[in-house]
């Protein structure tokens, strides 16, 4: 049985905060503020793939906000496709990232 496409999209969106935008796992706490799922078709097969709209162009601004203000907010868009390439879910996730005080 395939994973839940929405759960996969949510997990992938949170990883972007750390892997692509540079949030620090030991200092920054990510909180999901809102999610807007758009479920499309039934899943075909057991394998799902995520495609995330790149946010690399905002990395510098994101890191500056975290450093200067101790927080930043960002929307992450994720598309999930099944084995056949059919889009089964597209979701937008609104994340707030807050720097913990050491």
PDB file of N, CA and C in Angstrom:
ATOM      1  N   UNK A   1       0.840  -1.179   0.000  1.00  0.00           N
ATOM      2  CA  UNK A   1       0.000   0.000   0.000  1.00  0.00           C
ATOM      3  C   UNK A   1       0.888   1.246   0.000  1.00  0.00           C
ATOM      4  N   UNK A   2       0.499   2.230  -0.740  1.00  0.00           N
ATOM      5  CA  UNK A   2       1.281   3.462  -0.870  1.00  0.00           C
ATOM      6  C   UNK A   2       1.144   4.315   0.385  1.00  0.00           C
ATOM      7  N   UNK A   3       2.150   5.135   0.641  1.00  0.00           N
ATOM      8  CA  UNK A   3       2.088   6.105   1.728  1.00  0.00           C
ATOM      9  C   UNK A   3       1.011   7.132   1.423  1.00  0.00           C
ATOM     10  N   UNK A   4       0.567   7.811   2.438  1.00  0.00           N
ATOM     11  CA  UNK A   4      -0.395   8.879   2.254  1.00  0.00           C
ATOM     12  C   UNK A   4       0.307  10.037   1.547  1.00  0.00           C
ATOM     13  N   UNK A   5      -0.165  10.469   0.386  1.00  0.00           N
ATOM     14  CA  UNK A   5       0.505  11.534  -0.367  1.00  0.00           C
ATOM     15  C   UNK A   5       0.626  12.842   0.408  1.00  0.00           C
ATOM     16  N   UNK A   6      -0.393  13.190   1.189  1.00  0.00           N
ATOM     17  CA  UNK A   6      -0.336  14.429   1.947  1.00  0.00           C
ATOM     18  C   UNK A   6       0.731  14.363   3.032  1.00  0.00           C
ATOM     19  N   UNK A   7       0.817  13.237   3.735  1.00  0.00           N
ATOM     20  CA  UNK A   7       1.841  13.078   4.770  1.00  0.00           C
ATOM     21  C   UNK A   7       3.240  13.184   4.169  1.00  0.00           C
ATOM     22  N   UNK A   8       3.420  12.563   3.019  1.00  0.00           N
ATOM     23  CA  UNK A   8       4.710  12.627   2.332  1.00  0.00           C
ATOM     24  C   UNK A   8       5.037  14.071   1.941  1.00  0.00           C
ATOM     25  N   UNK A   9       4.057  14.794   1.427  1.00  0.00           N
ATOM     26  CA  UNK A   9       4.258  16.193   1.039  1.00  0.00           C
ATOM     27  C   UNK A   9       4.616  17.054   2.247  1.00  0.00           C
ATOM     28  N   UNK A  10       3.941  16.834   3.367  1.00  0.00           N
ATOM     29  CA  UNK A  10       4.229  17.617   4.579  1.00  0.00           C
ATOM     30  C   UNK A  10       5.654  17.365   5.067  1.00  0.00           C
ATOM     31  N   UNK A  11       6.050  16.103   5.113  1.00  0.00           N
ATOM     32  CA  UNK A  11       7.408  15.771   5.560  1.00  0.00           C
ATOM     33  C   UNK A  11       8.457  16.381   4.632  1.00  0.00           C
ATOM     34  N   UNK A  12       8.220  16.300   3.336  1.00  0.00           N
ATOM     35  CA  UNK A  12       9.162  16.873   2.368  1.00  0.00           C
ATOM     36  C   UNK A  12       9.252  18.388   2.523  1.00  0.00           C
ATOM     37  N   UNK A  13       8.117  19.032   2.787  1.00  0.00           N
ATOM     38  CA  UNK A  13       8.129  20.493   2.921  1.00  0.00           C
ATOM     39  C   UNK A  13       8.938  20.932   4.134  1.00  0.00           C
ATOM     40  N   UNK A  14       8.881  20.170   5.213  1.00  0.00           N
ATOM     41  CA  UNK A  14       9.655  20.549   6.400  1.00  0.00           C
ATOM     42  C   UNK A  14      11.155  20.338   6.178  1.00  0.00           C
ATOM     43  N   UNK A  15      11.512  19.318   5.417  1.00  0.00           N
ATOM     44  CA  UNK A  15      12.929  19.072   5.125  1.00  0.00           C
ATOM     45  C   UNK A  15      13.546  20.215   4.323  1.00  0.00           C
ATOM     46  N   UNK A  16      12.750  20.863   3.487  1.00  0.00           N
ATOM     47  CA  UNK A  16      13.238  21.983   2.679  1.00  0.00           C
ATOM     48  C   UNK A  16      13.751  23.113   3.571  1.00  0.00           C
ATOM     49  N   UNK A  17      13.092  23.316   4.691  1.00  0.00           N
ATOM     50  CA  UNK A  17      13.493  24.393   5.600  1.00  0.00           C
ATOM     51  C   UNK A  17      14.937  24.224   6.047  1.00  0.00           C
ATOM     52  N   UNK A  18      15.340  22.992   6.252  1.00  0.00           N
ATOM     53  CA  UNK A  18      16.687  22.707   6.741  1.00  0.00           C
ATOM     54  C   UNK A  18      17.673  22.457   5.602  1.00  0.00           C
ATOM     55  N   UNK A  19      17.267  21.657   4.643  1.00  0.00           N
ATOM     56  CA  UNK A  19      18.190  21.254   3.579  1.00  0.00           C
ATOM     57  C   UNK A  19      18.430  22.345   2.538  1.00  0.00           C
ATOM     58  N   UNK A  20      17.393  23.064   2.156  1.00  0.00           N
ATOM     59  CA  UNK A  20      17.538  24.057   1.092  1.00  0.00           C
ATOM     60  C   UNK A  20      17.666  25.489   1.622  1.00  0.00           C
ATOM     61  N   UNK A  21      16.932  25.796   2.697  1.00  0.00           N
ATOM     62  CA  UNK A  21      16.951  27.174   3.198  1.00  0.00           C
ATOM     63  C   UNK A  21      17.990  27.405   4.296  1.00  0.00           C
ATOM     64  N   UNK A  22      18.518  26.350   4.874  1.00  0.00           N
ATOM     65  CA  UNK A  22      19.615  26.493   5.827  1.00  0.00           C
ATOM     66  C   UNK A  22      19.216  26.686   7.275  1.00  0.00           C
ATOM     67  N   UNK A  23      17.978  26.376   7.644  1.00  0.00           N
ATOM     68  CA  UNK A  23      17.609  26.434   9.055  1.00  0.00           C
ATOM     69  C   UNK A  23      18.497  25.444   9.818  1.00  0.00           C
ATOM     70  N   UNK A  24      18.790  25.768  11.064  1.00  0.00           N
ATOM     71  CA  UNK A  24      19.684  24.965  11.895  1.00  0.00           C
ATOM     72  C   UNK A  24      18.851  24.034  12.778  1.00  0.00           C
ATOM     73  N   UNK A  25      19.022  22.729  12.613  1.00  0.00           N
ATOM     74  CA  UNK A  25      18.206  21.760  13.364  1.00  0.00           C
ATOM     75  C   UNK A  25      18.391  21.882  14.876  1.00  0.00           C
ATOM     76  N   UNK A  26      19.548  22.340  15.319  1.00  0.00           N
ATOM     77  CA  UNK A  26      19.793  22.438  16.761  1.00  0.00           C
ATOM     78  C   UNK A  26      19.284  23.757  17.356  1.00  0.00           C
ATOM     79  N   UNK A  27      19.042  24.767  16.524  1.00  0.00           N
ATOM     80  CA  UNK A  27      18.620  26.078  17.020  1.00  0.00           C
ATOM     81  C   UNK A  27      17.219  26.500  16.596  1.00  0.00           C
ATOM     82  N   UNK A  28      16.755  26.031  15.457  1.00  0.00           N
ATOM     83  CA  UNK A  28      15.510  26.524  14.876  1.00  0.00           C
ATOM     84  C   UNK A  28      14.384  25.500  15.009  1.00  0.00           C
ATOM     85  N   UNK A  29      13.220  25.990  15.389  1.00  0.00           N
ATOM     86  CA  UNK A  29      12.047  25.145  15.532  1.00  0.00           C
ATOM     87  C   UNK A  29      11.032  25.526  14.457  1.00  0.00           C
ATOM     88  N   UNK A  30      10.621  24.556  13.665  1.00  0.00           N
ATOM     89  CA  UNK A  30       9.637  24.797  12.609  1.00  0.00           C
ATOM     90  C   UNK A  30       8.245  24.412  13.101  1.00  0.00           C
ATOM     91  N   UNK A  31       7.291  25.322  12.873  1.00  0.00           N
ATOM     92  CA  UNK A  31       5.909  25.059  13.253  1.00  0.00           C
ATOM     93  C   UNK A  31       5.019  25.243  12.027  1.00  0.00           C
ATOM     94  N   UNK A  32       4.233  24.243  11.747  1.00  0.00           N
ATOM     95  CA  UNK A  32       3.305  24.323  10.617  1.00  0.00           C
ATOM     96  C   UNK A  32       2.123  25.192  11.018  1.00  0.00           C
ATOM     97  N   UNK A  33       1.944  26.295  10.296  1.00  0.00           N
ATOM     98  CA  UNK A  33       0.860  27.228  10.609  1.00  0.00           C
ATOM     99  C   UNK A  33      -0.401  26.932   9.802  1.00  0.00           C
ATOM    100  N   UNK A  34      -0.224  26.446   8.574  1.00  0.00           N
ATOM    101  CA  UNK A  34      -1.371  26.221   7.711  1.00  0.00           C
ATOM    102  C   UNK A  34      -0.963  25.255   6.604  1.00  0.00           C
ATOM    103  N   UNK A  35      -1.922  24.496   6.132  1.00  0.00           N
ATOM    104  CA  UNK A  35      -1.688  23.599   4.999  1.00  0.00           C
ATOM    105  C   UNK A  35      -2.913  23.635   4.103  1.00  0.00           C
ATOM    106  N   UNK A  36      -2.659  23.693   2.789  1.00  0.00           N
ATOM    107  CA  UNK A  36      -3.748  23.721   1.809  1.00  0.00           C
ATOM    108  C   UNK A  36      -3.547  22.583   0.823  1.00  0.00           C
ATOM    109  N   UNK A  37      -4.143  21.421   1.100  1.00  0.00           N
ATOM    110  CA  UNK A  37      -3.979  20.284   0.192  1.00  0.00           C
ATOM    111  C   UNK A  37      -4.963  20.327  -0.970  1.00  0.00           C
ATOM    112  N   UNK A  38      -4.517  19.805  -2.082  1.00  0.00           N
ATOM    113  CA  UNK A  38      -5.358  19.624  -3.261  1.00  0.00           C
ATOM    114  C   UNK A  38      -5.139  18.193  -3.721  1.00  0.00           C
ATOM    115  N   UNK A  39      -5.983  17.288  -3.231  1.00  0.00           N
ATOM    116  CA  UNK A  39      -5.857  15.882  -3.595  1.00  0.00           C
ATOM    117  C   UNK A  39      -6.475  15.695  -4.984  1.00  0.00           C
ATOM    118  N   UNK A  40      -5.781  14.969  -5.835  1.00  0.00           N
ATOM    119  CA  UNK A  40      -6.233  14.837  -7.219  1.00  0.00           C
ATOM    120  C   UNK A  40      -6.832  13.467  -7.507  1.00  0.00           C
ATOM    121  N   UNK A  41      -5.975  12.518  -7.821  1.00  0.00           N
ATOM    122  CA  UNK A  41      -6.433  11.200  -8.256  1.00  0.00           C
ATOM    123  C   UNK A  41      -5.997  10.135  -7.267  1.00  0.00           C
ATOM    124  N   UNK A  42      -6.533   8.938  -7.471  1.00  0.00           N
ATOM    125  CA  UNK A  42      -6.104   7.802  -6.671  1.00  0.00           C
ATOM    126  C   UNK A  42      -4.663   7.438  -7.012  1.00  0.00           C
ATOM    127  N   UNK A  43      -3.966   6.918  -6.028  1.00  0.00           N
ATOM    128  CA  UNK A  43      -2.572   6.530  -6.209  1.00  0.00           C
ATOM    129  C   UNK A  43      -2.495   5.232  -6.985  1.00  0.00           C
ATOM    130  N   UNK A  44      -1.604   5.197  -7.998  1.00  0.00           N
ATOM    131  CA  UNK A  44      -1.361   3.988  -8.769  1.00  0.00           C
ATOM    132  C   UNK A  44       0.011   3.442  -8.392  1.00  0.00           C
ATOM    133  N   UNK A  45       0.054   2.193  -7.928  1.00  0.00           N
ATOM    134  CA  UNK A  45       1.331   1.587  -7.546  1.00  0.00           C
ATOM    135  C   UNK A  45       1.686   1.926  -6.111  1.00  0.00           C
ATOM    136  N   UNK A  46       2.885   1.515  -5.721  1.00  0.00           N
ATOM    137  CA  UNK A  46       3.305   1.667  -4.335  1.00  0.00           C
ATOM    138  C   UNK A  46       4.329   2.776  -4.135  1.00  0.00           C
ATOM    139  N   UNK A  47       4.778   3.392  -5.200  1.00  0.00           N
ATOM    140  CA  UNK A  47       5.855   4.373  -5.095  1.00  0.00           C
ATOM    141  C   UNK A  47       5.349   5.778  -5.370  1.00  0.00           C
ATOM    142  N   UNK A  48       5.734   6.697  -4.493  1.00  0.00           N
ATOM    143  CA  UNK A  48       5.372   8.103  -4.666  1.00  0.00           C
ATOM    144  C   UNK A  48       6.640   8.937  -4.758  1.00  0.00           C
ATOM    145  N   UNK A  49       6.569  10.032  -5.506  1.00  0.00           N
ATOM    146  CA  UNK A  49       7.704  10.950  -5.640  1.00  0.00           C
ATOM    147  C   UNK A  49       7.223  12.369  -5.369  1.00  0.00           C
ATOM    148  N   UNK A  50       8.106  13.148  -4.725  1.00  0.00           N
ATOM    149  CA  UNK A  50       7.795  14.546  -4.436  1.00  0.00           C
ATOM    150  C   UNK A  50       8.613  15.465  -5.315  1.00  0.00           C
ATOM    151  N   UNK A  51       7.982  16.548  -5.735  1.00  0.00           N
ATOM    152  CA  UNK A  51       8.692  17.621  -6.405  1.00  0.00           C
ATOM    153  C   UNK A  51       8.351  18.887  -5.636  1.00  0.00           C
ATOM    154  N   UNK A  52       9.398  19.581  -5.231  1.00  0.00           N
ATOM    155  CA  UNK A  52       9.211  20.787  -4.437  1.00  0.00           C
ATOM    156  C   UNK A  52       9.619  21.988  -5.272  1.00  0.00           C
ATOM    157  N   UNK A  53       8.768  22.993  -5.288  1.00  0.00           N
ATOM    158  CA  UNK A  53       9.098  24.224  -5.990  1.00  0.00           C
ATOM    159  C   UNK A  53      10.294  24.846  -5.269  1.00  0.00           C
ATOM    160  N   UNK A  54      11.372  25.085  -5.997  1.00  0.00           N
ATOM    161  CA  UNK A  54      12.623  25.548  -5.403  1.00  0.00           C
ATOM    162  C   UNK A  54      12.466  26.873  -4.668  1.00  0.00           C
ATOM    163  N   UNK A  55      13.118  26.944  -3.522  1.00  0.00           N
ATOM    164  CA  UNK A  55      13.115  28.160  -2.720  1.00  0.00           C
ATOM    165  C   UNK A  55      14.520  28.726  -2.563  1.00  0.00           C
ATOM    166  N   UNK A  56      15.463  28.220  -3.347  1.00  0.00           N
ATOM    167  CA  UNK A  56      16.857  28.645  -3.191  1.00  0.00           C
ATOM    168  C   UNK A  56      17.028  30.155  -3.369  1.00  0.00           C
ATOM    169  N   UNK A  57      16.155  30.771  -4.143  1.00  0.00           N
ATOM    170  CA  UNK A  57      16.250  32.211  -4.381  1.00  0.00           C
ATOM    171  C   UNK A  57      15.921  33.049  -3.139  1.00  0.00           C
ATOM    172  N   UNK A  58      15.309  32.442  -2.110  1.00  0.00           N
ATOM    173  CA  UNK A  58      14.997  33.210  -0.903  1.00  0.00           C
ATOM    174  C   UNK A  58      15.879  32.809   0.281  1.00  0.00           C
ATOM    175  N   UNK A  59      16.847  31.923   0.055  1.00  0.00           N
ATOM    176  CA  UNK A  59      17.692  31.431   1.153  1.00  0.00           C
ATOM    177  C   UNK A  59      18.347  32.577   1.928  1.00  0.00           C
ATOM    178  N   UNK A  60      18.944  33.513   1.235  1.00  0.00           N
ATOM    179  CA  UNK A  60      19.650  34.610   1.893  1.00  0.00           C
ATOM    180  C   UNK A  60      18.698  35.442   2.759  1.00  0.00           C
ATOM    181  N   UNK A  61      17.535  35.770   2.226  1.00  0.00           N
ATOM    182  CA  UNK A  61      16.543  36.547   2.972  1.00  0.00           C
ATOM    183  C   UNK A  61      16.040  35.755   4.183  1.00  0.00           C
ATOM    184  N   UNK A  62      15.762  34.479   3.979  1.00  0.00           N
ATOM    185  CA  UNK A  62      15.294  33.600   5.057  1.00  0.00           C
ATOM    186  C   UNK A  62      16.306  33.584   6.203  1.00  0.00           C
ATOM    187  N   UNK A  63      17.569  33.345   5.882  1.00  0.00           N
ATOM    188  CA  UNK A  63      18.605  33.278   6.912  1.00  0.00           C
ATOM    189  C   UNK A  63      18.810  34.628   7.609  1.00  0.00           C
ATOM    190  N   UNK A  64      18.701  35.716   6.869  1.00  0.00           N
ATOM    191  CA  UNK A  64      18.840  37.037   7.470  1.00  0.00           C
ATOM    192  C   UNK A  64      17.704  37.299   8.472  1.00  0.00           C
ATOM    193  N   UNK A  65      16.480  36.926   8.108  1.00  0.00           N
ATOM    194  CA  UNK A  65      15.348  37.103   9.018  1.00  0.00           C
ATOM    195  C   UNK A  65      15.519  36.273  10.287  1.00  0.00           C
ATOM    196  N   UNK A  66      15.961  35.036  10.129  1.00  0.00           N
ATOM    197  CA  UNK A  66      16.187  34.174  11.294  1.00  0.00           C
ATOM    198  C   UNK A  66      17.242  34.801  12.197  1.00  0.00           C
ATOM    199  N   UNK A  67      18.325  35.264  11.595  1.00  0.00           N
ATOM    200  CA  UNK A  67      19.424  35.836  12.376  1.00  0.00           C
ATOM    201  C   UNK A  67      19.031  37.161  13.027  1.00  0.00           C
ATOM    202  N   UNK A  68      18.418  38.068  12.275  1.00  0.00           N
ATOM    203  CA  UNK A  68      18.118  39.412  12.770  1.00  0.00           C
ATOM    204  C   UNK A  68      16.858  39.477  13.645  1.00  0.00           C
ATOM    205  N   UNK A  69      15.816  38.746  13.258  1.00  0.00           N
ATOM    206  CA  UNK A  69      14.537  38.857  13.956  1.00  0.00           C
ATOM    207  C   UNK A  69      14.185  37.625  14.786  1.00  0.00           C
ATOM    208  N   UNK A  70      14.962  36.562  14.603  1.00  0.00           N
ATOM    209  CA  UNK A  70      14.700  35.346  15.361  1.00  0.00           C
ATOM    210  C   UNK A  70      13.567  34.506  14.818  1.00  0.00           C
ATOM    211  N   UNK A  71      13.043  34.896  13.658  1.00  0.00           N
ATOM    212  CA  UNK A  71      11.956  34.120  13.055  1.00  0.00           C
ATOM    213  C   UNK A  71      11.783  34.476  11.589  1.00  0.00           C
ATOM    214  N   UNK A  72      11.179  33.555  10.870  1.00  0.00           N
ATOM    215  CA  UNK A  72      10.849  33.770   9.461  1.00  0.00           C
ATOM    216  C   UNK A  72       9.655  32.888   9.120  1.00  0.00           C
ATOM    217  N   UNK A  73       8.893  33.309   8.126  1.00  0.00           N
ATOM    218  CA  UNK A  73       7.767  32.510   7.640  1.00  0.00           C
ATOM    219  C   UNK A  73       7.946  32.277   6.154  1.00  0.00           C
ATOM    220  N   UNK A  74       7.529  31.098   5.709  1.00  0.00           N
ATOM    221  CA  UNK A  74       7.706  30.737   4.306  1.00  0.00           C
ATOM    222  C   UNK A  74       6.601  29.772   3.886  1.00  0.00           C
ATOM    223  N   UNK A  75       6.199  29.894   2.625  1.00  0.00           N
ATOM    224  CA  UNK A  75       5.266  28.936   2.013  1.00  0.00           C
ATOM    225  C   UNK A  75       6.076  27.966   1.170  1.00  0.00           C
ATOM    226  N   UNK A  76       5.798  26.675   1.318  1.00  0.00           N
ATOM    227  CA  UNK A  76       6.473  25.638   0.535  1.00  0.00           C
ATOM    228  C   UNK A  76       5.399  24.912  -0.272  1.00  0.00           C
ATOM    229  N   UNK A  77       5.615  24.790  -1.588  1.00  0.00           N
ATOM    230  CA  UNK A  77       4.671  24.095  -2.467  1.00  0.00           C
ATOM    231  C   UNK A  77       5.274  22.751  -2.867  1.00  0.00           C
ATOM    232  N   UNK A  78       4.492  21.685  -2.675  1.00  0.00           N
ATOM    233  CA  UNK A  78       4.955  20.326  -2.975  1.00  0.00           C
ATOM    234  C   UNK A  78       3.946  19.638  -3.876  1.00  0.00           C
ATOM    235  N   UNK A  79       4.454  18.968  -4.910  1.00  0.00           N
ATOM    236  CA  UNK A  79       3.614  18.122  -5.766  1.00  0.00           C
ATOM    237  C   UNK A  79       4.055  16.676  -5.581  1.00  0.00           C
ATOM    238  N   UNK A  80       3.083  15.789  -5.427  1.00  0.00           N
ATOM    239  CA  UNK A  80       3.363  14.361  -5.275  1.00  0.00           C
ATOM    240  C   UNK A  80       2.804  13.635  -6.487  1.00  0.00           C
ATOM    241  N   UNK A  81       3.629  12.785  -7.091  1.00  0.00           N
ATOM    242  CA  UNK A  81       3.192  11.976  -8.232  1.00  0.00           C
ATOM    243  C   UNK A  81       3.332  10.500  -7.884  1.00  0.00           C
ATOM    244  N   UNK A  82       2.537   9.678  -8.574  1.00  0.00           N
ATOM    245  CA  UNK A  82       2.643   8.237  -8.364  1.00  0.00           C
ATOM    246  C   UNK A  82       3.590   7.629  -9.399  1.00  0.00           C
ATOM    247  N   UNK A  83       3.685   6.305  -9.414  1.00  0.00           N
ATOM    248  CA  UNK A  83       4.616   5.603 -10.315  1.00  0.00           C
ATOM    249  C   UNK A  83       4.387   5.923 -11.777  1.00  0.00           C
ATOM    250  N   UNK A  84       3.140   6.190 -12.133  1.00  0.00           N
ATOM    251  CA  UNK A  84       2.820   6.463 -13.536  1.00  0.00           C
ATOM    252  C   UNK A  84       3.111   7.910 -13.923  1.00  0.00           C
ATOM    253  N   UNK A  85       3.496   8.736 -12.944  1.00  0.00           N
ATOM    254  CA  UNK A  85       3.753  10.148 -13.214  1.00  0.00           C
ATOM    255  C   UNK A  85       2.529  11.026 -13.041  1.00  0.00           C
ATOM    256  N   UNK A  86       1.418  10.439 -12.639  1.00  0.00           N
ATOM    257  CA  UNK A  86       0.180  11.191 -12.428  1.00  0.00           C
ATOM    258  C   UNK A  86       0.260  11.963 -11.118  1.00  0.00           C
ATOM    259  N   UNK A  87      -0.082  13.253 -11.164  1.00  0.00           N
ATOM    260  CA  UNK A  87      -0.077  14.074  -9.958  1.00  0.00           C
ATOM    261  C   UNK A  87      -1.246  13.659  -9.076  1.00  0.00           C
ATOM    262  N   UNK A  88      -0.944  13.237  -7.834  1.00  0.00           N
ATOM    263  CA  UNK A  88      -1.988  12.788  -6.921  1.00  0.00           C
ATOM    264  C   UNK A  88      -2.259  13.788  -5.805  1.00  0.00           C
ATOM    265  N   UNK A  89      -1.334  14.724  -5.601  1.00  0.00           N
ATOM    266  CA  UNK A  89      -1.511  15.710  -4.549  1.00  0.00           C
ATOM    267  C   UNK A  89      -0.629  16.918  -4.829  1.00  0.00           C
ATOM    268  N   UNK A  90      -1.176  18.091  -4.601  1.00  0.00           N
ATOM    269  CA  UNK A  90      -0.391  19.319  -4.604  1.00  0.00           C
ATOM    270  C   UNK A  90      -0.805  20.046  -3.337  1.00  0.00           C
ATOM    271  N   UNK A  91       0.185  20.466  -2.565  1.00  0.00           N
ATOM    272  CA  UNK A  91      -0.132  21.105  -1.295  1.00  0.00           C
ATOM    273  C   UNK A  91       0.786  22.288  -1.045  1.00  0.00           C
ATOM    274  N   UNK A  92       0.235  23.276  -0.345  1.00  0.00           N
ATOM    275  CA  UNK A  92       1.001  24.445   0.079  1.00  0.00           C
ATOM    276  C   UNK A  92       1.076  24.407   1.600  1.00  0.00           C
ATOM    277  N   UNK A  93       2.288  24.594   2.128  1.00  0.00           N
ATOM    278  CA  UNK A  93       2.504  24.554   3.565  1.00  0.00           C
ATOM    279  C   UNK A  93       3.088  25.884   4.028  1.00  0.00           C
ATOM    280  N   UNK A  94       2.452  26.474   5.024  1.00  0.00           N
ATOM    281  CA  UNK A  94       2.908  27.740   5.599  1.00  0.00           C
ATOM    282  C   UNK A  94       3.649  27.419   6.893  1.00  0.00           C
ATOM    283  N   UNK A  95       4.974  27.611   6.863  1.00  0.00           N
ATOM    284  CA  UNK A  95       5.825  27.298   8.008  1.00  0.00           C
ATOM    285  C   UNK A  95       6.301  28.574   8.683  1.00  0.00           C
ATOM    286  N   UNK A  96       6.313  28.551  10.015  1.00  0.00           N
ATOM    287  CA  UNK A  96       6.981  29.575  10.813  1.00  0.00           C
ATOM    288  C   UNK A  96       8.206  28.911  11.421  1.00  0.00           C
ATOM    289  N   UNK A  97       9.349  29.527  11.263  1.00  0.00           N
ATOM    290  CA  UNK A  97      10.583  28.995  11.835  1.00  0.00           C
ATOM    291  C   UNK A  97      11.049  29.998  12.887  1.00  0.00           C
ATOM    292  N   UNK A  98      11.251  29.504  14.099  1.00  0.00           N
ATOM    293  CA  UNK A  98      11.630  30.373  15.211  1.00  0.00           C
ATOM    294  C   UNK A  98      12.957  29.893  15.792  1.00  0.00           C
ATOM    295  N   UNK A  99      13.846  30.841  15.978  1.00  0.00           N
ATOM    296  CA  UNK A  99      15.157  30.540  16.559  1.00  0.00           C
ATOM    297  C   UNK A  99      15.017  30.445  18.071  1.00  0.00           C
ATOM    298  N   UNK A 100      15.498  29.322  18.630  1.00  0.00           N
ATOM    299  CA  UNK A 100      15.478  29.143  20.088  1.00  0.00           C
ATOM    300  C   UNK A 100      16.552  30.030  20.697  1.00  0.00           C
ATOM    301  N   UNK A 101      16.251  30.583  21.846  1.00  0.00           N
ATOM    302  CA  UNK A 101      17.223  31.402  22.561  1.00  0.00           C
ATOM    303  C   UNK A 101      18.151  30.467  23.338  1.00  0.00           C
ATOM    304  N   UNK A 102      19.433  30.637  23.115  1.00  0.00           N
ATOM    305  CA  UNK A 102      20.418  29.753  23.765  1.00  0.00           C
ATOM    306  C   UNK A 102      20.662  30.165  25.198  1.00  0.00           C
TER     307      UNK A 102
END
